[in-house]
Amino acid sequence: TILEELEMADPGLADEIRKMMFVFEDIVKLPDASIQ
């Protein structure tokens, strides 16, 4: 809900937030099957 509303109000800010929501190093938090 928040990201969809922000996308309409401020697309640049929404894009910046999406880029930071999951960083590459967070891949270790995924189950093995998801990493595969």
PDB file of all heavy atoms in Angstrom:
ATOM      1  N   THR A   1       0.828  -1.205   0.000  1.00  0.00           N
ATOM      2  CA  THR A   1       0.000   0.000   0.000  1.00  0.00           C
ATOM      3  C   THR A   1       0.865   1.258   0.000  1.00  0.00           C
ATOM      4  O   THR A   1       0.650   2.190  -0.783  1.00  0.00           O
ATOM      5  CB  THR A   1      -0.926   0.018   1.230  1.00  0.00           C
ATOM      6  OG1 THR A   1      -1.805  -1.101   1.178  1.00  0.00           O
ATOM      7  CG2 THR A   1      -1.751   1.295   1.267  1.00  0.00           C
ATOM      8  N   ILE A   2       1.868   1.263   0.873  1.00  0.00           N
ATOM      9  CA  ILE A   2       2.726   2.442   0.994  1.00  0.00           C
ATOM     10  C   ILE A   2       3.497   2.691  -0.295  1.00  0.00           C
ATOM     11  O   ILE A   2       3.561   3.819  -0.799  1.00  0.00           O
ATOM     12  CB  ILE A   2       3.690   2.269   2.186  1.00  0.00           C
ATOM     13  CG1 ILE A   2       2.907   2.365   3.498  1.00  0.00           C
ATOM     14  CG2 ILE A   2       4.797   3.324   2.155  1.00  0.00           C
ATOM     15  CD1 ILE A   2       3.729   2.030   4.719  1.00  0.00           C
ATOM     16  N   LEU A   3       4.084   1.644  -0.867  1.00  0.00           N
ATOM     17  CA  LEU A   3       4.892   1.827  -2.076  1.00  0.00           C
ATOM     18  C   LEU A   3       4.032   2.234  -3.275  1.00  0.00           C
ATOM     19  O   LEU A   3       4.470   3.039  -4.108  1.00  0.00           O
ATOM     20  CB  LEU A   3       5.665   0.549  -2.383  1.00  0.00           C
ATOM     21  CG  LEU A   3       6.836   0.254  -1.436  1.00  0.00           C
ATOM     22  CD1 LEU A   3       7.461  -1.103  -1.766  1.00  0.00           C
ATOM     23  CD2 LEU A   3       7.888   1.353  -1.499  1.00  0.00           C
ATOM     24  N   GLU A   4       2.829   1.696  -3.375  1.00  0.00           N
ATOM     25  CA  GLU A   4       1.943   2.081  -4.478  1.00  0.00           C
ATOM     26  C   GLU A   4       1.538   3.550  -4.366  1.00  0.00           C
ATOM     27  O   GLU A   4       1.507   4.280  -5.362  1.00  0.00           O
ATOM     28  CB  GLU A   4       0.702   1.184  -4.494  1.00  0.00           C
ATOM     29  CG  GLU A   4       0.986  -0.228  -4.993  1.00  0.00           C
ATOM     30  CD  GLU A   4      -0.229  -1.121  -4.929  1.00  0.00           C
ATOM     31  OE1 GLU A   4      -1.251  -0.697  -4.330  1.00  0.00           O
ATOM     32  OE2 GLU A   4      -0.167  -2.255  -5.466  1.00  0.00           O
ATOM     33  N   GLU A   5       1.232   3.999  -3.152  1.00  0.00           N
ATOM     34  CA  GLU A   5       0.867   5.403  -2.941  1.00  0.00           C
ATOM     35  C   GLU A   5       2.057   6.317  -3.210  1.00  0.00           C
ATOM     36  O   GLU A   5       1.928   7.379  -3.828  1.00  0.00           O
ATOM     37  CB  GLU A   5       0.360   5.604  -1.504  1.00  0.00           C
ATOM     38  CG  GLU A   5      -0.956   4.923  -1.197  1.00  0.00           C
ATOM     39  CD  GLU A   5      -2.125   5.590  -1.896  1.00  0.00           C
ATOM     40  OE1 GLU A   5      -2.020   6.792  -2.213  1.00  0.00           O
ATOM     41  OE2 GLU A   5      -3.145   4.911  -2.135  1.00  0.00           O
ATOM     42  N   LEU A   6       3.241   5.905  -2.741  1.00  0.00           N
ATOM     43  CA  LEU A   6       4.440   6.708  -2.977  1.00  0.00           C
ATOM     44  C   LEU A   6       4.788   6.756  -4.457  1.00  0.00           C
ATOM     45  O   LEU A   6       5.306   7.765  -4.951  1.00  0.00           O
ATOM     46  CB  LEU A   6       5.629   6.135  -2.189  1.00  0.00           C
ATOM     47  CG  LEU A   6       5.649   6.419  -0.689  1.00  0.00           C
ATOM     48  CD1 LEU A   6       6.825   5.702  -0.038  1.00  0.00           C
ATOM     49  CD2 LEU A   6       5.745   7.912  -0.408  1.00  0.00           C
ATOM     50  N   GLU A   7       4.527   5.668  -5.177  1.00  0.00           N
ATOM     51  CA  GLU A   7       4.795   5.626  -6.622  1.00  0.00           C
ATOM     52  C   GLU A   7       4.028   6.726  -7.339  1.00  0.00           C
ATOM     53  O   GLU A   7       4.537   7.348  -8.285  1.00  0.00           O
ATOM     54  CB  GLU A   7       4.395   4.256  -7.170  1.00  0.00           C
ATOM     55  CG  GLU A   7       4.813   4.012  -8.602  1.00  0.00           C
ATOM     56  CD  GLU A   7       6.316   3.853  -8.754  1.00  0.00           C
ATOM     57  OE1 GLU A   7       6.917   3.060  -8.013  1.00  0.00           O
ATOM     58  OE2 GLU A   7       6.864   4.539  -9.632  1.00  0.00           O
ATOM     59  N   MET A   8       2.801   6.970  -6.897  1.00  0.00           N
ATOM     60  CA  MET A   8       1.985   8.016  -7.513  1.00  0.00           C
ATOM     61  C   MET A   8       2.403   9.410  -7.053  1.00  0.00           C
ATOM     62  O   MET A   8       2.443  10.351  -7.835  1.00  0.00           O
ATOM     63  CB  MET A   8       0.504   7.767  -7.191  1.00  0.00           C
ATOM     64  CG  MET A   8      -0.075   6.533  -7.867  1.00  0.00           C
ATOM     65  SD  MET A   8      -1.851   6.358  -7.633  1.00  0.00           S
ATOM     66  CE  MET A   8      -1.914   5.921  -5.884  1.00  0.00           C
ATOM     67  N   ALA A   9       2.734   9.542  -5.763  1.00  0.00           N
ATOM     68  CA  ALA A   9       3.066  10.855  -5.211  1.00  0.00           C
ATOM     69  C   ALA A   9       4.485  11.287  -5.534  1.00  0.00           C
ATOM     70  O   ALA A   9       4.743  12.470  -5.791  1.00  0.00           O
ATOM     71  CB  ALA A   9       2.853  10.849  -3.686  1.00  0.00           C
ATOM     72  N   ASP A  10       5.432  10.343  -5.515  1.00  0.00           N
ATOM     73  CA  ASP A  10       6.842  10.680  -5.711  1.00  0.00           C
ATOM     74  C   ASP A  10       7.556   9.459  -6.290  1.00  0.00           C
ATOM     75  O   ASP A  10       8.201   8.697  -5.560  1.00  0.00           O
ATOM     76  CB  ASP A  10       7.478  11.093  -4.374  1.00  0.00           C
ATOM     77  CG  ASP A  10       8.847  11.720  -4.536  1.00  0.00           C
ATOM     78  OD1 ASP A  10       9.501  11.450  -5.561  1.00  0.00           O
ATOM     79  OD2 ASP A  10       9.267  12.483  -3.638  1.00  0.00           O
ATOM     80  N   PRO A  11       7.487   9.260  -7.604  1.00  0.00           N
ATOM     81  CA  PRO A  11       8.075   8.056  -8.229  1.00  0.00           C
ATOM     82  C   PRO A  11       9.569   7.905  -7.947  1.00  0.00           C
ATOM     83  O   PRO A  11      10.049   6.785  -7.758  1.00  0.00           O
ATOM     84  CB  PRO A  11       7.820   8.279  -9.732  1.00  0.00           C
ATOM     85  CG  PRO A  11       6.670   9.215  -9.787  1.00  0.00           C
ATOM     86  CD  PRO A  11       6.802  10.108  -8.583  1.00  0.00           C
ATOM     87  N   GLY A  12      10.306   9.006  -7.926  1.00  0.00           N
ATOM     88  CA  GLY A  12      11.745   8.942  -7.668  1.00  0.00           C
ATOM     89  C   GLY A  12      12.043   8.394  -6.285  1.00  0.00           C
ATOM     90  O   GLY A  12      12.933   7.543  -6.109  1.00  0.00           O
ATOM     91  N   LEU A  13      11.297   8.865  -5.288  1.00  0.00           N
ATOM     92  CA  LEU A  13      11.479   8.393  -3.922  1.00  0.00           C
ATOM     93  C   LEU A  13      11.093   6.923  -3.808  1.00  0.00           C
ATOM     94  O   LEU A  13      11.791   6.131  -3.165  1.00  0.00           O
ATOM     95  CB  LEU A  13      10.634   9.226  -2.951  1.00  0.00           C
ATOM     96  CG  LEU A  13      10.649   8.814  -1.487  1.00  0.00           C
ATOM     97  CD1 LEU A  13      12.066   8.857  -0.931  1.00  0.00           C
ATOM     98  CD2 LEU A  13       9.712   9.701  -0.670  1.00  0.00           C
ATOM     99  N   ALA A  14       9.991   6.545  -4.458  1.00  0.00           N
ATOM    100  CA  ALA A  14       9.554   5.142  -4.421  1.00  0.00           C
ATOM    101  C   ALA A  14      10.609   4.223  -5.020  1.00  0.00           C
ATOM    102  O   ALA A  14      10.890   3.147  -4.486  1.00  0.00           O
ATOM    103  CB  ALA A  14       8.228   4.987  -5.170  1.00  0.00           C
ATOM    104  N   ASP A  15      11.225   4.645  -6.123  1.00  0.00           N
ATOM    105  CA  ASP A  15      12.267   3.839  -6.762  1.00  0.00           C
ATOM    106  C   ASP A  15      13.484   3.698  -5.863  1.00  0.00           C
ATOM    107  O   ASP A  15      14.072   2.615  -5.745  1.00  0.00           O
ATOM    108  CB  ASP A  15      12.667   4.480  -8.087  1.00  0.00           C
ATOM    109  CG  ASP A  15      13.680   3.631  -8.855  1.00  0.00           C
ATOM    110  OD1 ASP A  15      13.376   2.473  -9.154  1.00  0.00           O
ATOM    111  OD2 ASP A  15      14.783   4.150  -9.121  1.00  0.00           O
ATOM    112  N   GLU A  16      13.863   4.802  -5.199  1.00  0.00           N
ATOM    113  CA  GLU A  16      15.010   4.765  -4.296  1.00  0.00           C
ATOM    114  C   GLU A  16      14.756   3.809  -3.136  1.00  0.00           C
ATOM    115  O   GLU A  16      15.642   3.054  -2.718  1.00  0.00           O
ATOM    116  CB  GLU A  16      15.303   6.174  -3.761  1.00  0.00           C
ATOM    117  CG  GLU A  16      16.571   6.271  -2.944  1.00  0.00           C
ATOM    118  CD  GLU A  16      16.871   7.689  -2.502  1.00  0.00           C
ATOM    119  OE1 GLU A  16      16.105   8.614  -2.859  1.00  0.00           O
ATOM    120  OE2 GLU A  16      17.864   7.874  -1.778  1.00  0.00           O
ATOM    121  N   ILE A  17      13.531   3.820  -2.622  1.00  0.00           N
ATOM    122  CA  ILE A  17      13.173   2.940  -1.511  1.00  0.00           C
ATOM    123  C   ILE A  17      13.212   1.482  -1.960  1.00  0.00           C
ATOM    124  O   ILE A  17      13.754   0.611  -1.268  1.00  0.00           O
ATOM    125  CB  ILE A  17      11.775   3.293  -0.973  1.00  0.00           C
ATOM    126  CG1 ILE A  17      11.824   4.654  -0.257  1.00  0.00           C
ATOM    127  CG2 ILE A  17      11.258   2.218  -0.016  1.00  0.00           C
ATOM    128  CD1 ILE A  17      10.466   5.218   0.059  1.00  0.00           C
ATOM    129  N   ARG A  18      12.663   1.189  -3.133  1.00  0.00           N
ATOM    130  CA  ARG A  18      12.640  -0.189  -3.643  1.00  0.00           C
ATOM    131  C   ARG A  18      14.054  -0.745  -3.787  1.00  0.00           C
ATOM    132  O   ARG A  18      14.308  -1.915  -3.492  1.00  0.00           O
ATOM    133  CB  ARG A  18      11.920  -0.240  -4.998  1.00  0.00           C
ATOM    134  CG  ARG A  18      10.412  -0.049  -4.919  1.00  0.00           C
ATOM    135  CD  ARG A  18       9.775  -0.199  -6.293  1.00  0.00           C
ATOM    136  NE  ARG A  18       8.385   0.208  -6.296  1.00  0.00           N
ATOM    137  CZ  ARG A  18       7.372  -0.557  -5.914  1.00  0.00           C
ATOM    138  NH1 ARG A  18       7.624  -1.779  -5.495  1.00  0.00           N
ATOM    139  NH2 ARG A  18       6.133  -0.113  -5.942  1.00  0.00           N
ATOM    140  N   LYS A  19      14.974   0.100  -4.244  1.00  0.00           N
ATOM    141  CA  LYS A  19      16.352  -0.342  -4.437  1.00  0.00           C
ATOM    142  C   LYS A  19      17.006  -0.741  -3.119  1.00  0.00           C
ATOM    143  O   LYS A  19      17.908  -1.572  -3.090  1.00  0.00           O
ATOM    144  CB  LYS A  19      17.172   0.758  -5.112  1.00  0.00           C
ATOM    145  CG  LYS A  19      16.842   0.949  -6.580  1.00  0.00           C
ATOM    146  CD  LYS A  19      17.676   2.074  -7.182  1.00  0.00           C
ATOM    147  CE  LYS A  19      17.362   2.251  -8.661  1.00  0.00           C
ATOM    148  NZ  LYS A  19      18.130   3.389  -9.246  1.00  0.00           N
ATOM    149  N   MET A  20      16.572  -0.112  -2.017  1.00  0.00           N
ATOM    150  CA  MET A  20      17.201  -0.369  -0.721  1.00  0.00           C
ATOM    151  C   MET A  20      16.463  -1.406   0.115  1.00  0.00           C
ATOM    152  O   MET A  20      16.948  -1.829   1.161  1.00  0.00           O
ATOM    153  CB  MET A  20      17.310   0.940   0.079  1.00  0.00           C
ATOM    154  CG  MET A  20      18.239   1.961  -0.536  1.00  0.00           C
ATOM    155  SD  MET A  20      18.309   3.487   0.436  1.00  0.00           S
ATOM    156  CE  MET A  20      19.023   2.888   1.966  1.00  0.00           C
ATOM    157  N   MET A  21      15.283  -1.829  -0.347  1.00  0.00           N
ATOM    158  CA  MET A  21      14.471  -2.725   0.468  1.00  0.00           C
ATOM    159  C   MET A  21      15.134  -4.087   0.671  1.00  0.00           C
ATOM    160  O   MET A  21      14.993  -4.725   1.690  1.00  0.00           O
ATOM    161  CB  MET A  21      13.103  -2.929  -0.194  1.00  0.00           C
ATOM    162  CG  MET A  21      12.161  -1.757  -0.055  1.00  0.00           C
ATOM    163  SD  MET A  21      11.579  -1.554   1.639  1.00  0.00           S
ATOM    164  CE  MET A  21      10.565  -3.001   1.825  1.00  0.00           C
ATOM    165  N   PHE A  22      15.836  -4.553  -0.353  1.00  0.00           N
ATOM    166  CA  PHE A  22      16.524  -5.847  -0.253  1.00  0.00           C
ATOM    167  C   PHE A  22      17.867  -5.656  -0.933  1.00  0.00           C
ATOM    168  O   PHE A  22      17.930  -5.400  -2.136  1.00  0.00           O
ATOM    169  CB  PHE A  22      15.708  -6.932  -0.966  1.00  0.00           C
ATOM    170  CG  PHE A  22      16.295  -8.312  -0.830  1.00  0.00           C
ATOM    171  CD1 PHE A  22      15.804  -9.184   0.118  1.00  0.00           C
ATOM    172  CD2 PHE A  22      17.334  -8.736  -1.642  1.00  0.00           C
ATOM    173  CE1 PHE A  22      16.328 -10.467   0.252  1.00  0.00           C
ATOM    174  CE2 PHE A  22      17.875 -10.005  -1.523  1.00  0.00           C
ATOM    175  CZ  PHE A  22      17.362 -10.871  -0.564  1.00  0.00           C
ATOM    176  N   VAL A  23      18.947  -5.750  -0.191  1.00  0.00           N
ATOM    177  CA  VAL A  23      20.276  -5.574  -0.755  1.00  0.00           C
ATOM    178  C   VAL A  23      20.873  -6.934  -1.087  1.00  0.00           C
ATOM    179  O   VAL A  23      20.405  -7.973  -0.614  1.00  0.00           O
ATOM    180  CB  VAL A  23      21.207  -4.797   0.202  1.00  0.00           C
ATOM    181  CG1 VAL A  23      20.663  -3.407   0.452  1.00  0.00           C
ATOM    182  CG2 VAL A  23      21.390  -5.542   1.524  1.00  0.00           C
ATOM    183  N   PHE A  24      21.912  -6.946  -1.913  1.00  0.00           N
ATOM    184  CA  PHE A  24      22.483  -8.194  -2.405  1.00  0.00           C
ATOM    185  C   PHE A  24      22.906  -9.115  -1.261  1.00  0.00           C
ATOM    186  O   PHE A  24      22.696 -10.327  -1.315  1.00  0.00           O
ATOM    187  CB  PHE A  24      23.671  -7.897  -3.320  1.00  0.00           C
ATOM    188  CG  PHE A  24      24.315  -9.130  -3.887  1.00  0.00           C
ATOM    189  CD1 PHE A  24      23.685  -9.872  -4.873  1.00  0.00           C
ATOM    190  CD2 PHE A  24      25.557  -9.562  -3.433  1.00  0.00           C
ATOM    191  CE1 PHE A  24      24.268 -11.022  -5.392  1.00  0.00           C
ATOM    192  CE2 PHE A  24      26.150 -10.706  -3.941  1.00  0.00           C
ATOM    193  CZ  PHE A  24      25.502 -11.428  -4.928  1.00  0.00           C
ATOM    194  N   GLU A  25      23.507  -8.544  -0.205  1.00  0.00           N
ATOM    195  CA  GLU A  25      23.978  -9.357   0.919  1.00  0.00           C
ATOM    196  C   GLU A  25      22.840 -10.080   1.629  1.00  0.00           C
ATOM    197  O   GLU A  25      23.066 -11.082   2.324  1.00  0.00           O
ATOM    198  CB  GLU A  25      24.750  -8.495   1.921  1.00  0.00           C
ATOM    199  CG  GLU A  25      26.139  -8.082   1.476  1.00  0.00           C
ATOM    200  CD  GLU A  25      26.136  -7.001   0.404  1.00  0.00           C
ATOM    201  OE1 GLU A  25      25.057  -6.396   0.158  1.00  0.00           O
ATOM    202  OE2 GLU A  25      27.199  -6.771  -0.199  1.00  0.00           O
ATOM    203  N   ASP A  26      21.590  -9.594   1.450  1.00  0.00           N
ATOM    204  CA  ASP A  26      20.446 -10.240   2.098  1.00  0.00           C
ATOM    205  C   ASP A  26      20.105 -11.588   1.474  1.00  0.00           C
ATOM    206  O   ASP A  26      19.215 -12.285   1.963  1.00  0.00           O
ATOM    207  CB  ASP A  26      19.212  -9.325   2.035  1.00  0.00           C
ATOM    208  CG  ASP A  26      19.349  -8.112   2.932  1.00  0.00           C
ATOM    209  OD1 ASP A  26      20.132  -8.191   3.894  1.00  0.00           O
ATOM    210  OD2 ASP A  26      18.706  -7.095   2.676  1.00  0.00           O
ATOM    211  N   ILE A  27      20.803 -11.956   0.420  1.00  0.00           N
ATOM    212  CA  ILE A  27      20.543 -13.247  -0.221  1.00  0.00           C
ATOM    213  C   ILE A  27      20.766 -14.400   0.760  1.00  0.00           C
ATOM    214  O   ILE A  27      20.166 -15.467   0.637  1.00  0.00           O
ATOM    215  CB  ILE A  27      21.424 -13.421  -1.480  1.00  0.00           C
ATOM    216  CG1 ILE A  27      20.854 -14.532  -2.372  1.00  0.00           C
ATOM    217  CG2 ILE A  27      22.878 -13.687  -1.123  1.00  0.00           C
ATOM    218  CD1 ILE A  27      21.503 -14.593  -3.751  1.00  0.00           C
ATOM    219  N   VAL A  28      21.618 -14.171   1.775  1.00  0.00           N
ATOM    220  CA  VAL A  28      21.868 -15.229   2.767  1.00  0.00           C
ATOM    221  C   VAL A  28      20.633 -15.496   3.617  1.00  0.00           C
ATOM    222  O   VAL A  28      20.556 -16.526   4.295  1.00  0.00           O
ATOM    223  CB  VAL A  28      23.067 -14.870   3.686  1.00  0.00           C
ATOM    224  CG1 VAL A  28      24.350 -14.737   2.882  1.00  0.00           C
ATOM    225  CG2 VAL A  28      22.800 -13.592   4.474  1.00  0.00           C
ATOM    226  N   LYS A  29      19.650 -14.588   3.598  1.00  0.00           N
ATOM    227  CA  LYS A  29      18.431 -14.777   4.382  1.00  0.00           C
ATOM    228  C   LYS A  29      17.411 -15.647   3.659  1.00  0.00           C
ATOM    229  O   LYS A  29      16.402 -16.040   4.242  1.00  0.00           O
ATOM    230  CB  LYS A  29      17.802 -13.414   4.705  1.00  0.00           C
ATOM    231  CG  LYS A  29      18.706 -12.485   5.501  1.00  0.00           C
ATOM    232  CD  LYS A  29      18.050 -11.135   5.724  1.00  0.00           C
ATOM    233  CE  LYS A  29      18.960 -10.184   6.477  1.00  0.00           C
ATOM    234  NZ  LYS A  29      18.367  -8.837   6.646  1.00  0.00           N
ATOM    235  N   LEU A  30      17.667 -15.923   2.378  1.00  0.00           N
ATOM    236  CA  LEU A  30      16.738 -16.741   1.609  1.00  0.00           C
ATOM    237  C   LEU A  30      16.987 -18.230   1.863  1.00  0.00           C
ATOM    238  O   LEU A  30      18.128 -18.638   2.089  1.00  0.00           O
ATOM    239  CB  LEU A  30      16.900 -16.457   0.116  1.00  0.00           C
ATOM    240  CG  LEU A  30      16.599 -15.043  -0.374  1.00  0.00           C
ATOM    241  CD1 LEU A  30      16.907 -14.938  -1.869  1.00  0.00           C
ATOM    242  CD2 LEU A  30      15.149 -14.674  -0.105  1.00  0.00           C
ATOM    243  N   PRO A  31      15.953 -19.052   1.778  1.00  0.00           N
ATOM    244  CA  PRO A  31      16.148 -20.501   1.862  1.00  0.00           C
ATOM    245  C   PRO A  31      16.979 -20.978   0.673  1.00  0.00           C
ATOM    246  O   PRO A  31      17.009 -20.333  -0.382  1.00  0.00           O
ATOM    247  CB  PRO A  31      14.716 -21.050   1.782  1.00  0.00           C
ATOM    248  CG  PRO A  31      13.822 -19.901   2.095  1.00  0.00           C
ATOM    249  CD  PRO A  31      14.535 -18.674   1.652  1.00  0.00           C
ATOM    250  N   ASP A  32      17.640 -22.134   0.822  1.00  0.00           N
ATOM    251  CA  ASP A  32      18.485 -22.662  -0.248  1.00  0.00           C
ATOM    252  C   ASP A  32      17.706 -22.831  -1.559  1.00  0.00           C
ATOM    253  O   ASP A  32      18.213 -22.515  -2.644  1.00  0.00           O
ATOM    254  CB  ASP A  32      19.089 -24.007   0.170  1.00  0.00           C
ATOM    255  CG  ASP A  32      20.194 -23.828   1.207  1.00  0.00           C
ATOM    256  OD1 ASP A  32      20.712 -22.701   1.333  1.00  0.00           O
ATOM    257  OD2 ASP A  32      20.546 -24.806   1.892  1.00  0.00           O
ATOM    258  N   ALA A  33      16.484 -23.307  -1.456  1.00  0.00           N
ATOM    259  CA  ALA A  33      15.692 -23.527  -2.668  1.00  0.00           C
ATOM    260  C   ALA A  33      15.444 -22.222  -3.414  1.00  0.00           C
ATOM    261  O   ALA A  33      15.451 -22.178  -4.656  1.00  0.00           O
ATOM    262  CB  ALA A  33      14.360 -24.189  -2.316  1.00  0.00           C
ATOM    263  N   SER A  34      15.230 -21.148  -2.676  1.00  0.00           N
ATOM    264  CA  SER A  34      15.004 -19.845  -3.306  1.00  0.00           C
ATOM    265  C   SER A  34      16.280 -19.326  -3.953  1.00  0.00           C
ATOM    266  O   SER A  34      16.246 -18.750  -5.048  1.00  0.00           O
ATOM    267  CB  SER A  34      14.506 -18.839  -2.258  1.00  0.00           C
ATOM    268  OG  SER A  34      13.238 -19.209  -1.766  1.00  0.00           O
ATOM    269  N   ILE A  35      17.419 -19.526  -3.295  1.00  0.00           N
ATOM    270  CA  ILE A  35      18.700 -19.097  -3.885  1.00  0.00           C
ATOM    271  C   ILE A  35      18.948 -19.854  -5.184  1.00  0.00           C
ATOM    272  O   ILE A  35      19.371 -19.270  -6.188  1.00  0.00           O
ATOM    273  CB  ILE A  35      19.856 -19.332  -2.891  1.00  0.00           C
ATOM    274  CG1 ILE A  35      19.690 -18.429  -1.663  1.00  0.00           C
ATOM    275  CG2 ILE A  35      21.201 -19.044  -3.567  1.00  0.00           C
ATOM    276  CD1 ILE A  35      20.733 -18.654  -0.593  1.00  0.00           C
ATOM    277  N   GLN A  36      18.648 -21.142  -5.197  1.00  0.00           N
ATOM    278  CA  GLN A  36      18.829 -21.940  -6.411  1.00  0.00           C
ATOM    279  C   GLN A  36      17.925 -21.435  -7.529  1.00  0.00           C
ATOM    280  O   GLN A  36      18.329 -21.382  -8.705  1.00  0.00           O
ATOM    281  CB  GLN A  36      18.559 -23.413  -6.117  1.00  0.00           C
ATOM    282  CG  GLN A  36      19.590 -24.044  -5.189  1.00  0.00           C
ATOM    283  CD  GLN A  36      19.111 -25.331  -4.550  1.00  0.00           C
ATOM    284  OE1 GLN A  36      18.189 -25.974  -5.045  1.00  0.00           O
ATOM    285  NE2 GLN A  36      19.733 -25.715  -3.441  1.00  0.00           N
TER     286      GLN A  36
END
